[in-house]
Amino acid sequence: MKLGTLMAFIAILALGLLPSTANAYGCPTSMAEAQAVIDKVNKDMKGEMSKKMKAAGMAAEMALVHALLDDAKMFLAGAKHNHTKPQGAYDHARAIAKARAAKGSAEAADIYHWKLMGKMKK
């Protein structure tokens, strides 16, 4: 085997073993965490307590929970876009930032929803 061919084979093998930039930055993990919180809040919003809250005249407050959840979904969509169509490491960093913002908005929606449910129990 020629030295050049051997070097090319080693280079190809090394590139195949290196993690992709997306995984190195943690985009999939951050997006999955955000999606999990969004799914949890969506499930909570479909529960019996949420229906009782709307019936008790708390529709305006519930709309604010939905607004926070919509923000989370918007941030997550942006994160997915930056992750799937990156033009470099910067886009992966932005994807993580947007995914974390999505998780934060979803967690805020969850906290606010629970506070509102606490008002119902009083």
Protein backbone atom coordinates (compact mmCIF):
# COMPACT_ATOMS: atom_id res chain seq x y z
CA MET A 1 0.00 0.00 0.00
CA LYS A 2 1.35 3.42 -0.88
CA LEU A 3 1.93 5.94 1.87
CA GLY A 4 -0.52 8.44 0.32
CA THR A 5 -3.27 5.83 0.14
CA LEU A 6 -2.63 4.80 3.72
CA MET A 7 -2.78 8.41 4.92
CA ALA A 8 -6.04 8.98 3.02
CA PHE A 9 -7.54 5.83 4.56
CA ILE A 10 -6.52 6.95 8.07
CA ALA A 11 -7.97 10.43 7.48
CA ILE A 12 -11.30 9.01 6.28
CA LEU A 13 -11.44 6.63 9.23
CA ALA A 14 -10.65 9.43 11.70
CA LEU A 15 -13.33 11.70 10.23
CA GLY A 16 -15.91 8.95 10.52
CA LEU A 17 -15.17 8.48 14.20
CA LEU A 18 -15.35 12.14 15.16
CA PRO A 19 -18.67 13.37 16.52
CA SER A 20 -20.62 15.75 14.36
CA THR A 21 -20.67 19.42 15.25
CA ALA A 22 -24.35 19.24 16.10
CA ASN A 23 -23.81 16.55 18.70
CA ALA A 24 -20.69 18.26 20.03
CA TYR A 25 -22.72 21.39 20.72
CA GLY A 26 -25.62 19.47 22.26
CA CYS A 27 -28.36 20.78 19.99
CA PRO A 28 -30.43 17.56 20.00
CA THR A 29 -30.29 17.29 23.79
CA SER A 30 -31.33 20.90 24.35
CA MET A 31 -34.17 20.62 21.85
CA ALA A 32 -35.40 17.35 23.36
CA GLU A 33 -35.45 18.88 26.85
CA ALA A 34 -37.45 21.86 25.60
CA GLN A 35 -39.88 19.60 23.73
CA ALA A 36 -40.44 17.51 26.86
CA VAL A 37 -41.43 20.56 28.93
CA ILE A 38 -43.68 21.86 26.13
CA ASP A 39 -45.40 18.46 25.91
CA LYS A 40 -45.90 18.38 29.70
CA VAL A 41 -47.53 21.82 29.74
CA ASN A 42 -49.71 20.94 26.74
CA LYS A 43 -50.91 17.84 28.60
CA ASP A 44 -51.59 19.85 31.78
CA MET A 45 -53.55 22.43 29.81
CA LYS A 46 -55.95 19.73 28.60
CA GLY A 47 -56.73 18.53 32.13
CA GLU A 48 -59.94 18.92 34.11
CA MET A 49 -58.57 21.73 36.28
CA SER A 50 -57.87 23.87 33.20
CA LYS A 51 -61.45 23.37 32.04
CA LYS A 52 -62.73 24.40 35.48
CA MET A 53 -60.49 27.48 35.41
CA LYS A 54 -61.97 28.62 32.11
CA ALA A 55 -65.48 28.00 33.41
CA ALA A 56 -64.66 30.04 36.54
CA GLY A 57 -63.87 33.12 34.45
CA MET A 58 -60.11 32.72 34.32
CA ALA A 59 -59.97 32.61 30.52
CA ALA A 60 -57.83 35.77 30.34
CA GLU A 61 -55.23 34.27 32.69
CA MET A 62 -55.26 31.00 30.74
CA ALA A 63 -54.63 33.00 27.56
CA LEU A 64 -51.41 34.26 29.17
CA VAL A 65 -50.32 30.68 29.82
CA HIS A 66 -51.01 29.93 26.17
CA ALA A 67 -48.96 32.99 25.14
CA LEU A 68 -45.95 31.72 27.09
CA LEU A 69 -46.41 28.28 25.54
CA ASP A 70 -46.66 29.80 22.05
CA ASP A 71 -43.39 31.65 22.69
CA ALA A 72 -41.77 28.36 23.68
CA LYS A 73 -42.99 26.70 20.48
CA MET A 74 -41.71 29.61 18.40
CA PHE A 75 -38.26 29.45 20.01
CA LEU A 76 -38.11 25.68 19.51
CA ALA A 77 -39.03 26.02 15.83
CA GLY A 78 -36.19 28.53 15.44
CA ALA A 79 -33.79 26.18 17.20
CA LYS A 80 -34.75 23.33 14.88
CA HIS A 81 -34.24 25.57 11.86
CA ASN A 82 -30.76 26.66 12.99
CA HIS A 83 -29.84 23.06 13.77
CA THR A 84 -31.02 21.51 10.52
CA LYS A 85 -29.66 24.23 8.21
CA PRO A 86 -26.46 25.37 9.90
CA GLN A 87 -23.96 27.55 8.11
CA GLY A 88 -21.37 26.98 10.80
CA ALA A 89 -20.76 26.56 14.50
CA TYR A 90 -22.51 29.88 15.20
CA ASP A 91 -25.83 28.46 14.02
CA HIS A 92 -25.47 25.49 16.35
CA ALA A 93 -24.79 27.90 19.22
CA ARG A 94 -27.92 29.86 18.27
CA ALA A 95 -29.90 26.61 18.13
CA ILE A 96 -28.90 25.84 21.70
CA ALA A 97 -29.72 29.38 22.84
CA LYS A 98 -33.17 29.20 21.24
CA ALA A 99 -33.82 25.72 22.64
CA ARG A 100 -32.94 26.92 26.13
CA ALA A 101 -35.18 29.97 25.67
CA ALA A 102 -37.96 27.59 24.60
CA LYS A 103 -37.45 25.49 27.70
CA GLY A 104 -37.49 28.62 29.87
CA SER A 105 -40.73 29.90 28.36
CA ALA A 106 -42.37 26.50 28.73
CA GLU A 107 -41.24 26.26 32.36
CA ALA A 108 -42.61 29.76 33.00
CA ALA A 109 -45.94 28.69 31.47
CA ASP A 110 -45.95 25.64 33.74
CA ILE A 111 -45.22 27.70 36.85
CA TYR A 112 -47.87 30.27 36.00
CA HIS A 113 -50.42 27.55 35.28
CA TRP A 114 -49.75 25.95 38.67
CA LYS A 115 -50.09 29.33 40.42
CA LEU A 116 -53.46 29.81 38.75
CA MET A 117 -54.55 26.34 39.81
CA GLY A 118 -53.60 27.26 43.38
CA LYS A 119 -56.03 30.20 43.19
CA MET A 120 -58.81 27.80 42.15
CA LYS A 121 -58.34 25.61 45.21
CA LYS A 122 -58.81 28.53 47.62
